[in-house]
N, C-alpha and C. Protein backbone atom coordinates (compact mmCIF):
# COMPACT_ATOMS: atom_id res chain seq x y z
N MET A 1 230.52 -89.11 106.12
CA MET A 1 229.95 -89.37 104.65
C MET A 1 231.06 -88.78 103.67
N VAL A 2 231.42 -89.77 102.53
CA VAL A 2 232.47 -89.15 101.65
C VAL A 2 231.46 -88.82 100.19
N ARG A 3 232.01 -87.62 99.87
CA ARG A 3 231.30 -87.24 98.66
C ARG A 3 231.96 -87.70 97.57
N GLN A 4 231.27 -88.43 96.68
CA GLN A 4 232.00 -88.99 95.31
C GLN A 4 231.65 -88.08 94.25
N HIS A 5 232.53 -87.39 93.77
CA HIS A 5 232.16 -86.45 92.78
C HIS A 5 232.36 -86.86 91.32
N VAL A 6 231.80 -86.54 90.36
CA VAL A 6 231.80 -86.47 88.87
C VAL A 6 231.79 -85.26 88.17
N ASN A 7 232.69 -85.13 87.17
CA ASN A 7 232.88 -83.78 86.55
C ASN A 7 231.86 -83.44 85.77
N PRO A 8 230.70 -82.60 86.14
CA PRO A 8 229.95 -82.42 84.96
C PRO A 8 229.88 -81.58 83.98
N LEU A 9 231.06 -81.28 83.66
CA LEU A 9 231.42 -80.69 82.31
C LEU A 9 232.02 -81.73 81.35
N SER A 10 232.38 -82.55 82.32
CA SER A 10 232.90 -84.05 81.08
C SER A 10 232.08 -84.39 80.23
N SER A 11 232.49 -84.68 78.82
CA SER A 11 231.81 -84.90 77.76
C SER A 11 230.52 -85.95 77.74
N LEU A 12 231.13 -86.90 78.95
CA LEU A 12 230.22 -88.07 79.49
C LEU A 12 228.89 -87.47 79.92
N TYR A 13 228.64 -86.06 80.23
CA TYR A 13 227.44 -85.56 80.95
C TYR A 13 226.93 -84.43 80.08
N GLN A 14 227.47 -84.31 78.94
CA GLN A 14 226.75 -83.07 77.99
C GLN A 14 225.98 -83.53 77.21
N GLN A 15 225.24 -84.75 77.29
CA GLN A 15 224.30 -85.24 76.08
C GLN A 15 223.17 -84.79 76.91
N PRO A 16 222.11 -83.74 76.28
CA PRO A 16 220.69 -83.62 76.97
C PRO A 16 219.96 -84.90 77.04
N LEU A 17 219.33 -84.94 78.05
CA LEU A 17 218.36 -86.34 77.74
C LEU A 17 216.89 -86.02 77.99
N PRO A 18 216.07 -86.82 77.42
CA PRO A 18 214.58 -86.29 77.23
C PRO A 18 213.73 -86.63 78.40
N LEU A 19 212.70 -85.74 78.80
CA LEU A 19 211.85 -85.89 80.13
C LEU A 19 210.78 -86.70 79.73
N PRO A 20 210.59 -88.13 80.43
CA PRO A 20 209.56 -88.94 80.28
C PRO A 20 208.36 -88.03 80.36
N PRO A 21 207.40 -88.84 79.45
CA PRO A 21 206.01 -87.93 79.89
C PRO A 21 205.60 -88.05 81.46
N PRO A 22 204.84 -87.15 82.22
CA PRO A 22 204.60 -87.10 83.51
C PRO A 22 203.86 -88.38 83.74
N GLY A 23 202.66 -88.85 82.73
CA GLY A 23 201.95 -90.21 83.02
C GLY A 23 203.04 -91.21 83.23
N GLU A 24 204.25 -91.42 82.78
CA GLU A 24 205.14 -92.40 83.14
C GLU A 24 205.73 -92.32 84.39
N LEU A 25 205.97 -91.37 84.91
CA LEU A 25 206.75 -91.01 86.06
C LEU A 25 205.61 -91.08 87.41
N PHE A 26 204.70 -90.76 87.24
CA PHE A 26 203.58 -90.48 88.41
C PHE A 26 202.17 -90.94 88.18
N SER A 27 201.81 -91.94 88.98
CA SER A 27 200.11 -92.00 88.88
C SER A 27 198.91 -91.23 88.59
N GLN A 28 199.66 -90.09 89.37
CA GLN A 28 198.61 -88.84 89.44
C GLN A 28 199.47 -87.72 88.78
N PRO A 29 199.52 -87.50 87.57
CA PRO A 29 200.78 -86.56 87.19
C PRO A 29 200.38 -85.03 87.33
N HIS A 30 199.12 -84.67 87.70
CA HIS A 30 198.74 -83.54 88.14
C HIS A 30 198.64 -82.75 89.21
N ARG A 31 199.31 -83.87 90.09
CA ARG A 31 199.69 -83.08 91.73
C ARG A 31 200.66 -82.21 91.35
N PRO A 32 200.50 -81.24 92.71
CA PRO A 32 201.72 -80.31 92.78
C PRO A 32 203.14 -81.21 92.70
N LEU A 33 204.28 -80.50 92.37
CA LEU A 33 205.56 -81.35 92.02
C LEU A 33 206.65 -80.51 92.87
N HIS A 34 207.29 -81.42 93.78
CA HIS A 34 208.58 -81.14 94.35
C HIS A 34 209.82 -81.68 93.73
N LEU A 35 210.54 -80.77 93.33
CA LEU A 35 211.71 -81.05 92.56
C LEU A 35 213.15 -80.92 93.41
N ASP A 36 213.66 -82.03 93.74
CA ASP A 36 215.07 -82.17 94.48
C ASP A 36 216.19 -82.21 93.50
N ILE A 37 217.01 -81.46 93.29
CA ILE A 37 218.18 -81.07 92.43
C ILE A 37 219.37 -81.64 93.26
N GLY A 38 219.91 -82.74 92.78
CA GLY A 38 221.08 -83.36 93.20
C GLY A 38 220.75 -84.45 94.52
N CYS A 39 219.89 -85.21 94.16
CA CYS A 39 219.07 -86.11 95.20
C CYS A 39 220.00 -87.02 95.63
N ALA A 40 221.23 -87.19 95.14
CA ALA A 40 222.07 -88.21 95.81
C ALA A 40 221.43 -89.70 95.78
N ARG A 41 221.27 -90.52 96.91
CA ARG A 41 220.91 -91.76 97.12
C ARG A 41 219.45 -91.86 97.25
N GLY A 42 218.94 -90.57 97.32
CA GLY A 42 217.40 -90.54 97.27
C GLY A 42 216.60 -90.75 98.67
N ARG A 43 217.29 -90.94 99.62
CA ARG A 43 216.63 -91.39 100.86
C ARG A 43 215.65 -90.32 101.50
N PHE A 44 216.17 -88.97 101.45
CA PHE A 44 215.36 -87.73 101.63
C PHE A 44 213.86 -87.53 101.02
N LEU A 45 214.01 -87.99 99.60
CA LEU A 45 212.60 -87.88 99.05
C LEU A 45 211.95 -89.09 99.38
N LEU A 46 212.49 -90.18 99.53
CA LEU A 46 211.93 -91.52 99.96
C LEU A 46 211.06 -91.36 101.28
N ALA A 47 211.64 -90.39 102.17
CA ALA A 47 210.90 -90.12 103.50
C ALA A 47 210.10 -89.36 103.32
N LEU A 48 209.83 -88.06 102.53
CA LEU A 48 209.26 -87.17 102.48
C LEU A 48 208.12 -87.56 101.97
N ALA A 49 208.01 -88.42 100.68
CA ALA A 49 206.97 -88.90 99.78
C ALA A 49 206.18 -89.64 100.83
N GLN A 50 206.61 -90.24 101.69
CA GLN A 50 205.64 -91.20 102.61
C GLN A 50 205.20 -90.07 103.72
N ALA A 51 205.99 -89.03 104.24
CA ALA A 51 205.34 -88.15 105.14
C ALA A 51 204.27 -87.38 104.64
N GLU A 52 204.40 -86.81 103.39
CA GLU A 52 203.56 -86.11 102.55
C GLU A 52 203.62 -86.39 101.28
N PRO A 53 202.42 -87.29 101.36
CA PRO A 53 202.11 -88.14 99.92
C PRO A 53 200.99 -87.19 99.11
N GLN A 54 200.89 -85.98 99.42
CA GLN A 54 199.60 -85.30 98.80
C GLN A 54 200.36 -84.63 97.70
N ARG A 55 201.53 -84.68 97.29
CA ARG A 55 202.23 -83.95 95.87
C ARG A 55 203.26 -85.03 95.21
N ASN A 56 203.53 -84.78 94.05
CA ASN A 56 204.89 -85.74 93.50
C ASN A 56 206.09 -85.26 93.68
N TYR A 57 207.03 -86.27 93.76
CA TYR A 57 208.49 -85.80 94.12
C TYR A 57 209.13 -86.43 92.90
N LEU A 58 210.19 -85.31 92.20
CA LEU A 58 211.41 -85.69 91.44
C LEU A 58 212.37 -85.48 91.75
N GLY A 59 213.36 -86.41 91.95
CA GLY A 59 214.65 -86.31 92.25
C GLY A 59 215.77 -86.60 91.17
N VAL A 60 216.34 -85.50 90.94
CA VAL A 60 217.52 -85.72 89.81
C VAL A 60 218.83 -85.75 90.60
N GLU A 61 219.85 -86.39 89.64
CA GLU A 61 221.16 -86.83 90.18
C GLU A 61 221.96 -87.17 88.98
N ILE A 62 223.30 -86.81 89.15
CA ILE A 62 224.11 -86.71 88.13
C ILE A 62 225.05 -88.14 88.13
N ARG A 63 225.02 -88.47 89.27
CA ARG A 63 225.56 -90.29 89.26
C ARG A 63 224.70 -91.02 89.24
N ARG A 64 224.82 -91.76 88.06
CA ARG A 64 223.78 -92.76 87.67
C ARG A 64 223.48 -94.10 88.73
N ALA A 65 224.79 -94.52 89.31
CA ALA A 65 224.44 -95.66 89.96
C ALA A 65 223.62 -95.30 91.38
N LEU A 66 223.72 -94.09 91.84
CA LEU A 66 222.72 -93.54 92.91
C LEU A 66 221.32 -93.81 92.50
N VAL A 67 221.10 -93.18 91.15
CA VAL A 67 219.81 -93.03 90.92
C VAL A 67 218.93 -94.33 90.56
N GLU A 68 219.94 -95.07 90.07
CA GLU A 68 219.18 -96.69 90.06
C GLU A 68 219.01 -97.33 91.41
N ALA A 69 219.95 -97.24 92.41
CA ALA A 69 219.43 -97.65 93.83
C ALA A 69 218.58 -97.12 94.19
N ALA A 70 218.38 -95.59 93.99
CA ALA A 70 217.20 -94.98 94.62
C ALA A 70 216.08 -95.50 94.20
N GLU A 71 215.97 -95.47 92.67
CA GLU A 71 214.73 -96.35 92.21
C GLU A 71 214.60 -97.56 92.42
N ALA A 72 215.34 -98.24 92.90
CA ALA A 72 215.05 -99.86 93.56
C ALA A 72 214.63 -99.55 94.87
N ASP A 73 214.71 -98.74 95.26
CA ASP A 73 214.00 -98.59 96.84
C ASP A 73 212.41 -98.13 96.91
N ARG A 74 212.48 -97.10 95.88
CA ARG A 74 211.07 -96.45 95.43
C ARG A 74 210.37 -97.70 94.95
N GLN A 75 210.54 -98.48 93.84
CA GLN A 75 210.08 -99.55 93.53
C GLN A 75 209.56 -100.51 94.46
N ALA A 76 210.44 -100.71 95.46
CA ALA A 76 210.35 -101.78 96.41
C ALA A 76 208.84 -101.46 97.34
N LEU A 77 208.85 -100.10 97.51
CA LEU A 77 208.00 -99.45 98.25
C LEU A 77 206.76 -99.06 97.67
N GLN A 78 206.75 -99.29 96.17
CA GLN A 78 205.75 -98.99 95.60
C GLN A 78 205.08 -97.55 95.56
N LEU A 79 205.94 -96.58 95.59
CA LEU A 79 205.61 -95.19 95.83
C LEU A 79 205.41 -94.52 94.34
N SER A 80 204.12 -94.37 93.99
CA SER A 80 203.84 -93.97 92.66
C SER A 80 204.20 -92.50 92.46
N GLN A 81 204.16 -91.72 93.51
CA GLN A 81 204.45 -90.08 93.37
C GLN A 81 205.94 -89.82 93.78
N LEU A 82 206.60 -90.98 93.51
CA LEU A 82 208.07 -90.36 93.65
C LEU A 82 208.87 -91.12 92.40
N HIS A 83 209.57 -90.18 91.83
CA HIS A 83 210.51 -90.78 90.80
C HIS A 83 211.90 -90.17 90.90
N TYR A 84 212.95 -91.01 90.56
CA TYR A 84 214.39 -90.42 90.32
C TYR A 84 214.59 -90.72 88.99
N LEU A 85 215.51 -89.62 88.67
CA LEU A 85 216.13 -89.44 87.04
C LEU A 85 217.42 -89.41 87.02
N PHE A 86 218.21 -89.81 86.17
CA PHE A 86 219.67 -89.51 85.91
C PHE A 86 219.77 -88.17 85.12
N CYS A 87 220.59 -87.14 85.23
CA CYS A 87 220.49 -86.16 84.35
C CYS A 87 221.77 -85.27 84.81
N ASN A 88 222.33 -84.34 84.06
CA ASN A 88 222.91 -83.07 84.43
C ASN A 88 222.27 -82.07 84.43
N ALA A 89 221.85 -81.64 85.64
CA ALA A 89 221.08 -80.38 85.79
C ALA A 89 221.09 -79.28 84.92
N ASN A 90 222.59 -79.03 84.55
CA ASN A 90 222.72 -77.79 84.05
C ASN A 90 222.76 -78.10 82.37
N VAL A 91 222.23 -79.26 81.82
CA VAL A 91 222.26 -79.85 80.69
C VAL A 91 220.89 -80.10 80.23
N SER A 92 220.33 -80.98 81.06
CA SER A 92 218.81 -81.28 80.94
C SER A 92 217.59 -80.52 81.46
N LEU A 93 218.10 -80.26 82.68
CA LEU A 93 216.76 -79.70 83.40
C LEU A 93 216.48 -78.30 82.78
N GLN A 94 217.10 -77.70 82.26
CA GLN A 94 216.42 -76.35 81.73
C GLN A 94 215.26 -76.70 80.46
N ASP A 95 215.28 -77.58 79.91
CA ASP A 95 214.34 -77.93 78.88
C ASP A 95 213.47 -78.65 79.80
N TRP A 96 213.88 -79.41 80.74
CA TRP A 96 212.40 -80.39 81.44
C TRP A 96 211.80 -79.20 81.99
N LEU A 97 212.16 -78.24 82.62
CA LEU A 97 211.38 -77.29 83.46
C LEU A 97 210.22 -76.59 82.35
N GLY A 98 210.85 -76.26 81.10
CA GLY A 98 210.09 -75.49 80.13
C GLY A 98 208.97 -76.63 79.69
N GLN A 99 209.03 -77.83 79.82
CA GLN A 99 207.91 -78.62 79.39
C GLN A 99 206.84 -79.01 80.78
N LEU A 100 207.15 -78.55 81.61
CA LEU A 100 206.27 -78.84 82.74
C LEU A 100 204.91 -78.16 82.47
N PRO A 101 203.80 -78.32 82.66
CA PRO A 101 202.37 -77.95 82.58
C PRO A 101 202.66 -76.60 83.31
N ALA A 102 202.07 -75.47 83.30
CA ALA A 102 202.34 -74.15 84.12
C ALA A 102 201.72 -74.33 85.41
N GLY A 103 202.34 -74.10 86.35
CA GLY A 103 202.07 -73.93 87.70
C GLY A 103 202.09 -75.43 88.55
N LEU A 104 202.70 -76.43 87.68
CA LEU A 104 202.80 -77.76 88.33
C LEU A 104 204.08 -77.69 89.31
N LEU A 105 205.24 -77.01 89.29
CA LEU A 105 206.06 -77.06 90.18
C LEU A 105 205.75 -76.38 91.26
N GLU A 106 205.93 -76.79 92.40
CA GLU A 106 205.50 -76.29 93.64
C GLU A 106 206.69 -75.70 94.52
N ARG A 107 207.92 -76.57 94.38
CA ARG A 107 208.67 -76.14 95.51
C ARG A 107 210.14 -77.23 94.93
N VAL A 108 211.41 -76.41 94.98
CA VAL A 108 212.41 -76.86 94.51
C VAL A 108 213.44 -76.92 95.62
N THR A 109 214.03 -77.74 96.01
CA THR A 109 215.31 -77.81 96.95
C THR A 109 216.63 -78.22 96.36
N ILE A 110 217.89 -77.55 96.82
CA ILE A 110 219.11 -77.84 96.46
C ILE A 110 219.91 -78.22 97.79
N GLN A 111 220.10 -79.17 98.27
CA GLN A 111 220.88 -79.21 99.52
C GLN A 111 222.07 -80.12 99.53
N PHE A 112 223.14 -79.32 100.08
CA PHE A 112 224.33 -79.87 100.26
C PHE A 112 225.06 -80.32 99.05
N PRO A 113 224.99 -78.98 97.80
CA PRO A 113 225.50 -79.72 96.65
C PRO A 113 226.99 -79.72 96.49
N ASP A 114 227.77 -80.60 95.77
CA ASP A 114 229.02 -80.54 95.85
C ASP A 114 229.89 -79.33 95.48
N PRO A 115 230.83 -79.22 96.42
CA PRO A 115 231.42 -77.94 96.66
C PRO A 115 232.24 -77.28 95.67
N TRP A 116 233.18 -78.15 95.09
CA TRP A 116 233.83 -77.95 93.97
C TRP A 116 234.55 -76.31 94.36
N PHE A 117 235.59 -76.62 95.30
CA PHE A 117 236.40 -75.40 96.22
C PHE A 117 237.19 -74.94 95.24
N LYS A 118 238.09 -75.18 94.29
CA LYS A 118 238.82 -74.47 93.41
C LYS A 118 237.97 -73.47 92.58
N LYS A 119 238.52 -72.14 92.63
CA LYS A 119 237.81 -71.31 91.80
C LYS A 119 237.63 -71.64 90.43
N LYS A 120 238.68 -72.34 89.70
CA LYS A 120 238.53 -72.76 88.02
C LYS A 120 237.39 -73.86 88.55
N HIS A 121 237.01 -74.42 89.33
CA HIS A 121 235.89 -75.46 89.25
C HIS A 121 234.67 -75.04 89.66
N HIS A 122 234.40 -73.60 89.76
CA HIS A 122 233.23 -73.27 90.19
C HIS A 122 232.18 -73.27 89.04
N LYS A 123 232.41 -73.17 87.93
CA LYS A 123 231.54 -73.48 86.70
C LYS A 123 230.74 -74.99 87.11
N ARG A 124 231.66 -76.21 87.52
CA ARG A 124 230.93 -77.11 87.67
C ARG A 124 229.96 -77.24 89.11
N ARG A 125 229.81 -76.16 89.58
CA ARG A 125 228.68 -76.10 90.86
C ARG A 125 227.26 -76.00 90.09
N VAL A 126 226.32 -76.57 90.79
CA VAL A 126 224.91 -76.97 90.14
C VAL A 126 224.22 -75.67 89.95
N LEU A 127 224.26 -74.58 91.08
CA LEU A 127 223.32 -73.38 90.70
C LEU A 127 224.18 -72.45 89.80
N GLN A 128 223.99 -72.40 88.56
CA GLN A 128 224.44 -71.63 87.36
C GLN A 128 223.05 -70.52 87.30
N PRO A 129 223.71 -69.45 86.68
CA PRO A 129 222.53 -68.31 86.24
C PRO A 129 221.46 -68.80 85.32
N ALA A 130 221.79 -69.79 84.43
CA ALA A 130 220.72 -70.25 83.57
C ALA A 130 220.00 -71.08 84.20
N LEU A 131 220.29 -71.75 85.11
CA LEU A 131 219.45 -73.01 85.70
C LEU A 131 218.54 -72.12 86.76
N LEU A 132 219.20 -71.16 87.37
CA LEU A 132 218.02 -70.30 88.47
C LEU A 132 217.17 -69.25 87.29
N GLY A 133 217.51 -69.02 86.45
CA GLY A 133 216.30 -68.38 85.41
C GLY A 133 215.59 -69.60 85.04
N ALA A 134 215.77 -70.70 84.87
CA ALA A 134 214.56 -71.65 84.31
C ALA A 134 213.84 -71.61 85.52
N LEU A 135 214.41 -72.02 86.66
CA LEU A 135 213.57 -72.53 88.04
C LEU A 135 212.70 -71.16 88.39
N ALA A 136 213.15 -70.07 88.09
CA ALA A 136 212.16 -68.83 88.30
C ALA A 136 211.18 -68.87 87.16
N ALA A 137 211.63 -69.16 86.05
CA ALA A 137 210.39 -69.24 84.88
C ALA A 137 209.36 -70.35 85.10
N ALA A 138 209.83 -71.43 86.09
CA ALA A 138 208.68 -72.49 85.98
C ALA A 138 208.31 -72.33 87.24
N LEU A 139 208.54 -71.71 88.40
CA LEU A 139 207.68 -71.49 89.67
C LEU A 139 206.81 -70.00 89.64
N LEU A 140 205.76 -70.41 90.32
CA LEU A 140 204.81 -69.08 89.98
C LEU A 140 205.10 -68.39 91.32
N PRO A 141 204.56 -67.06 91.25
CA PRO A 141 204.81 -66.39 92.69
C PRO A 141 204.33 -67.09 93.83
N GLY A 142 204.98 -67.10 94.89
CA GLY A 142 204.64 -67.71 96.25
C GLY A 142 205.17 -69.07 96.26
N ARG A 143 205.59 -69.61 95.28
CA ARG A 143 206.28 -71.06 95.19
C ARG A 143 207.89 -71.02 96.05
N GLU A 144 208.16 -72.14 96.23
CA GLU A 144 209.49 -72.00 97.28
C GLU A 144 210.61 -72.60 96.43
N LEU A 145 211.77 -72.12 96.88
CA LEU A 145 213.13 -72.29 96.82
C LEU A 145 213.89 -72.62 98.02
N PHE A 146 214.42 -73.70 98.32
CA PHE A 146 215.07 -73.92 99.40
C PHE A 146 216.37 -74.55 99.29
N VAL A 147 217.46 -73.80 99.77
CA VAL A 147 218.83 -74.16 99.50
C VAL A 147 219.28 -74.19 100.81
N GLN A 148 220.23 -75.36 101.18
CA GLN A 148 221.17 -75.51 102.32
C GLN A 148 222.52 -76.10 102.08
N SER A 149 223.37 -75.74 103.13
CA SER A 149 224.58 -76.48 102.86
C SER A 149 225.54 -76.38 104.13
N ASP A 150 226.85 -77.25 104.42
CA ASP A 150 227.07 -77.17 105.55
C ASP A 150 228.77 -76.42 105.34
N VAL A 151 228.66 -75.92 104.07
CA VAL A 151 230.02 -75.18 103.83
C VAL A 151 229.59 -73.59 103.36
N LEU A 152 230.15 -72.59 103.92
CA LEU A 152 229.71 -71.22 103.95
C LEU A 152 230.14 -70.96 102.34
N ALA A 153 231.46 -71.47 101.88
CA ALA A 153 232.13 -70.98 100.62
C ALA A 153 231.06 -71.51 99.48
N VAL A 154 229.94 -72.33 99.75
CA VAL A 154 229.03 -72.98 98.75
C VAL A 154 228.08 -72.37 98.79
N ILE A 155 227.45 -71.97 100.12
CA ILE A 155 226.10 -71.39 100.26
C ILE A 155 226.06 -69.67 99.93
N GLU A 156 227.21 -69.47 100.43
CA GLU A 156 227.31 -67.95 100.03
C GLU A 156 227.30 -67.46 98.63
N PRO A 157 227.90 -67.88 97.60
CA PRO A 157 227.62 -67.50 96.33
C PRO A 157 226.51 -68.04 95.93
N MET A 158 226.00 -68.92 96.34
CA MET A 158 224.41 -69.39 95.97
C MET A 158 223.50 -68.37 96.48
N VAL A 159 223.34 -67.84 97.39
CA VAL A 159 222.67 -66.73 98.03
C VAL A 159 222.92 -65.48 97.38
N SER A 160 223.91 -65.20 97.20
CA SER A 160 224.35 -64.07 96.29
C SER A 160 223.67 -63.86 94.85
N LEU A 161 223.61 -65.01 94.25
CA LEU A 161 222.79 -65.26 92.93
C LEU A 161 221.46 -65.23 93.22
N ILE A 162 221.22 -65.53 94.05
CA ILE A 162 219.65 -65.77 94.19
C ILE A 162 218.97 -64.35 94.54
N ASP A 163 219.78 -63.58 95.69
CA ASP A 163 219.33 -62.21 96.00
C ASP A 163 219.70 -61.25 94.90
N ALA A 164 220.67 -61.47 94.17
CA ALA A 164 220.73 -60.30 93.00
C ALA A 164 219.68 -60.77 92.04
N SER A 165 219.21 -62.11 91.68
CA SER A 165 218.60 -62.01 90.78
C SER A 165 217.02 -61.10 90.65
N GLY A 166 216.60 -61.04 91.92
CA GLY A 166 215.13 -60.40 91.93
C GLY A 166 213.94 -61.20 91.86
N TRP A 167 214.32 -62.23 91.59
CA TRP A 167 213.08 -63.35 91.56
C TRP A 167 212.56 -64.07 92.70
N PHE A 168 213.38 -64.03 93.61
CA PHE A 168 212.79 -64.60 94.89
C PHE A 168 213.28 -63.53 96.36
N ARG A 169 212.49 -63.83 97.02
CA ARG A 169 212.66 -63.12 98.43
C ARG A 169 212.61 -64.01 99.38
N ARG A 170 213.10 -63.63 100.59
CA ARG A 170 213.07 -64.43 102.03
C ARG A 170 211.64 -64.00 102.57
N PRO A 171 210.93 -64.76 103.10
CA PRO A 171 209.70 -64.52 104.04
C PRO A 171 210.29 -63.71 105.19
N LEU A 172 209.39 -62.73 105.46
CA LEU A 172 209.86 -61.62 106.39
C LEU A 172 210.19 -62.17 107.65
N ALA A 173 209.88 -63.19 107.87
CA ALA A 173 209.90 -63.47 109.40
C ALA A 173 211.03 -64.66 109.80
N ASP A 174 211.81 -64.65 108.44
CA ASP A 174 212.93 -65.57 108.63
C ASP A 174 213.98 -64.91 109.14
N ALA A 175 214.97 -65.30 109.94
CA ALA A 175 215.96 -64.56 110.59
C ALA A 175 216.96 -64.85 109.40
N ARG A 176 217.79 -63.42 109.42
CA ARG A 176 219.06 -63.72 108.62
C ARG A 176 220.32 -63.58 109.30
N PRO A 177 221.54 -64.18 108.74
CA PRO A 177 221.55 -64.49 107.15
C PRO A 177 220.97 -66.03 107.12
N TRP A 178 220.80 -66.70 108.07
CA TRP A 178 220.63 -68.12 108.04
C TRP A 178 219.25 -68.59 108.70
N ARG A 179 218.18 -69.49 108.40
CA ARG A 179 217.18 -69.86 108.98
C ARG A 179 217.86 -70.83 110.01
N ALA A 180 217.32 -70.83 111.28
CA ALA A 180 217.47 -71.62 112.41
C ALA A 180 217.36 -73.10 112.26
N SER A 181 216.02 -73.23 111.39
CA SER A 181 215.51 -74.86 111.38
C SER A 181 215.35 -74.79 109.96
N ASN A 182 215.05 -76.02 109.52
CA ASN A 182 214.54 -76.84 108.45
C ASN A 182 212.94 -76.65 108.08
N PRO A 183 212.64 -76.03 107.20
CA PRO A 183 211.10 -75.83 107.22
C PRO A 183 210.51 -77.34 106.53
N LEU A 184 211.30 -78.12 106.04
CA LEU A 184 210.84 -79.39 105.28
C LEU A 184 210.71 -80.48 106.58
N ALA A 185 209.50 -81.46 106.21
CA ALA A 185 209.12 -82.27 107.34
C ALA A 185 210.19 -83.47 107.63
N VAL A 186 211.06 -83.39 106.72
CA VAL A 186 212.21 -84.59 107.17
C VAL A 186 213.39 -83.94 106.71
N PRO A 187 214.53 -84.21 107.49
CA PRO A 187 215.90 -83.86 106.91
C PRO A 187 216.52 -84.66 105.95
N SER A 188 217.78 -84.02 105.54
CA SER A 188 218.40 -84.81 104.35
C SER A 188 219.40 -85.76 105.13
N GLU A 189 220.09 -86.62 104.64
CA GLU A 189 220.99 -87.76 105.41
C GLU A 189 222.19 -86.70 105.59
N ARG A 190 222.49 -86.07 104.61
CA ARG A 190 223.67 -85.13 105.16
C ARG A 190 223.42 -83.91 106.16
N GLU A 191 222.44 -83.58 106.47
CA GLU A 191 222.13 -82.82 107.27
C GLU A 191 221.94 -83.59 108.58
N THR A 192 221.29 -84.66 108.93
CA THR A 192 221.53 -85.30 109.86
C THR A 192 222.79 -85.58 110.40
N HIS A 193 223.48 -86.14 109.26
CA HIS A 193 225.10 -86.46 109.69
C HIS A 193 225.97 -85.15 110.15
N VAL A 194 225.50 -83.91 109.52
CA VAL A 194 226.45 -82.55 110.04
C VAL A 194 225.88 -82.17 111.22
N LEU A 195 224.79 -82.09 111.59
CA LEU A 195 224.13 -82.08 112.97
C LEU A 195 224.61 -82.85 114.20
N SER A 196 224.62 -84.13 113.71
CA SER A 196 224.92 -85.09 114.62
C SER A 196 226.40 -84.93 115.23
N ARG A 197 227.45 -84.27 114.41
CA ARG A 197 228.85 -83.79 114.61
C ARG A 197 228.79 -82.19 115.65
N GLY A 198 227.89 -81.68 115.69
CA GLY A 198 227.65 -80.54 116.44
C GLY A 198 227.99 -79.35 115.47
N LEU A 199 227.93 -79.68 114.23
CA LEU A 199 228.24 -78.62 113.17
C LEU A 199 227.23 -77.89 112.56
N PRO A 200 227.53 -76.56 112.04
CA PRO A 200 226.41 -75.73 111.61
C PRO A 200 225.72 -76.29 110.23
N VAL A 201 224.88 -75.86 110.01
CA VAL A 201 223.88 -75.96 108.53
C VAL A 201 223.31 -74.38 108.15
N TYR A 202 223.79 -73.95 107.03
CA TYR A 202 223.46 -73.01 106.53
C TYR A 202 222.19 -73.04 105.85
N ARG A 203 221.07 -72.60 106.03
CA ARG A 203 219.65 -72.61 105.42
C ARG A 203 219.21 -71.13 104.84
N VAL A 204 218.74 -71.41 103.64
CA VAL A 204 217.78 -70.33 103.31
C VAL A 204 216.31 -70.43 102.30
N LEU A 205 215.52 -69.91 103.02
CA LEU A 205 213.97 -70.23 102.36
C LEU A 205 213.61 -69.31 101.49
N TYR A 206 213.49 -69.32 100.21
CA TYR A 206 213.18 -68.39 99.20
C TYR A 206 211.77 -68.63 98.81
N VAL A 207 210.87 -67.59 98.40
CA VAL A 207 209.59 -67.51 97.67
C VAL A 207 209.71 -66.60 96.64
N ARG A 208 209.13 -67.19 95.47
CA ARG A 208 209.20 -66.70 94.27
C ARG A 208 208.54 -65.47 94.40
N THR A 209 209.14 -64.29 93.77
CA THR A 209 208.25 -63.20 93.56
C THR A 209 207.79 -62.85 92.16
N ASP A 210 206.86 -61.82 91.95
CA ASP A 210 206.13 -61.64 90.99
C ASP A 210 206.83 -60.97 89.62
N GLN A 211 208.07 -61.02 89.86
CA GLN A 211 209.14 -60.49 88.86
C GLN A 211 209.03 -61.31 87.81
N ALA A 212 209.05 -60.90 86.58
CA ALA A 212 209.01 -61.71 85.37
C ALA A 212 210.60 -62.63 85.00
N ALA A 213 210.24 -63.48 84.53
CA ALA A 213 211.88 -64.46 84.77
C ALA A 213 211.72 -65.11 83.15
N ALA A 214 212.65 -65.30 82.49
CA ALA A 214 213.01 -66.12 81.27
C ALA A 214 214.10 -66.95 81.42
N ALA A 215 214.01 -68.33 80.97
CA ALA A 215 215.32 -69.26 81.04
C ALA A 215 216.32 -68.48 80.45
N LEU A 216 217.49 -68.52 80.76
CA LEU A 216 218.74 -67.99 80.08
C LEU A 216 219.73 -68.89 79.47
N GLY A 217 220.32 -68.58 78.49
CA GLY A 217 221.20 -69.38 77.78
C GLY A 217 222.52 -69.92 78.60
N ALA A 218 223.01 -70.97 78.42
CA ALA A 218 224.40 -71.50 79.26
C ALA A 218 225.41 -70.21 78.76
N THR A 219 226.47 -70.20 79.76
CA THR A 219 227.38 -68.88 79.23
C THR A 219 228.87 -69.85 79.55
N ASP A 220 228.91 -70.89 79.88
CA ASP A 220 230.06 -71.73 80.36
C ASP A 220 230.29 -72.47 79.14
N ASN A 221 231.38 -72.95 78.86
CA ASN A 221 231.71 -74.14 77.86
C ASN A 221 232.73 -74.95 78.68
N PRO A 222 232.48 -76.65 78.45
CA PRO A 222 232.85 -77.26 79.24
C PRO A 222 234.41 -77.35 78.70
N ASP A 223 235.32 -77.48 80.02
CA ASP A 223 236.81 -77.95 79.49
C ASP A 223 237.05 -79.20 80.36
C-alpha cells in the first residue's frame, strides 16, 4: 500500500469549511457519534457501520478524491448512519467539534496517519496541540480516543502529547507501552496489510479524564 500525501499547510487546504447540519448527515442525528480522523478510502468505517449500526459514523479526510469514492460506496449501500466529509482536520475540525451537541461525540480514532518523517514537516502531522484540545473539549469523561500506527516515530510523539495533556488516561488493564489487540470490532485496511506482513502495530486506547479542557488556538503558520 502506497501512501499518497498532500501538504495540509498548502493554501489549497487552509480555507475553513462549514459543517453540514447533523440532520443532513444522518437519518438519526442524535445517536452517539464515532469520528474517524484521516479515514482515507473509508472502508474501515464502511465495515464498522454495518457491524455496529447503533451509532453514527463520520469520516474526515483531506484527499477529496478518496472522500468522493467513499461516499459513493456509502450511498450504494444506503448507510444512513455513516457520512464522509472532505476537510483539513487542523483547519475545520476544531470549529466542527465546537458545534456538536454536548455529549454527542462518543469515540475518536486516528489510525495510521501520514508520517511526515522530516523534522521540518512535523507541523503537517494531524495531531497538533490545538486539535487535541478541541477533541478533549468535545469528549465527555469516560469517552474514548484510540490511536495506532505502524511507525514508532509517528506514534511516540502522539502518545507523548496525549499523555502530557492530562486530558486522557489509559485503562488500568491495558498493557504498556502498547496494546496487544485492537479494541474495535473491525481493523482498518492499513492494519490488515501491516499485520499480514508480520510487522508490528503500535496501539493505545485512551479514556477521557474529568480534567477541564478548552480548544486551543493554532500555533503554526503555513509555509
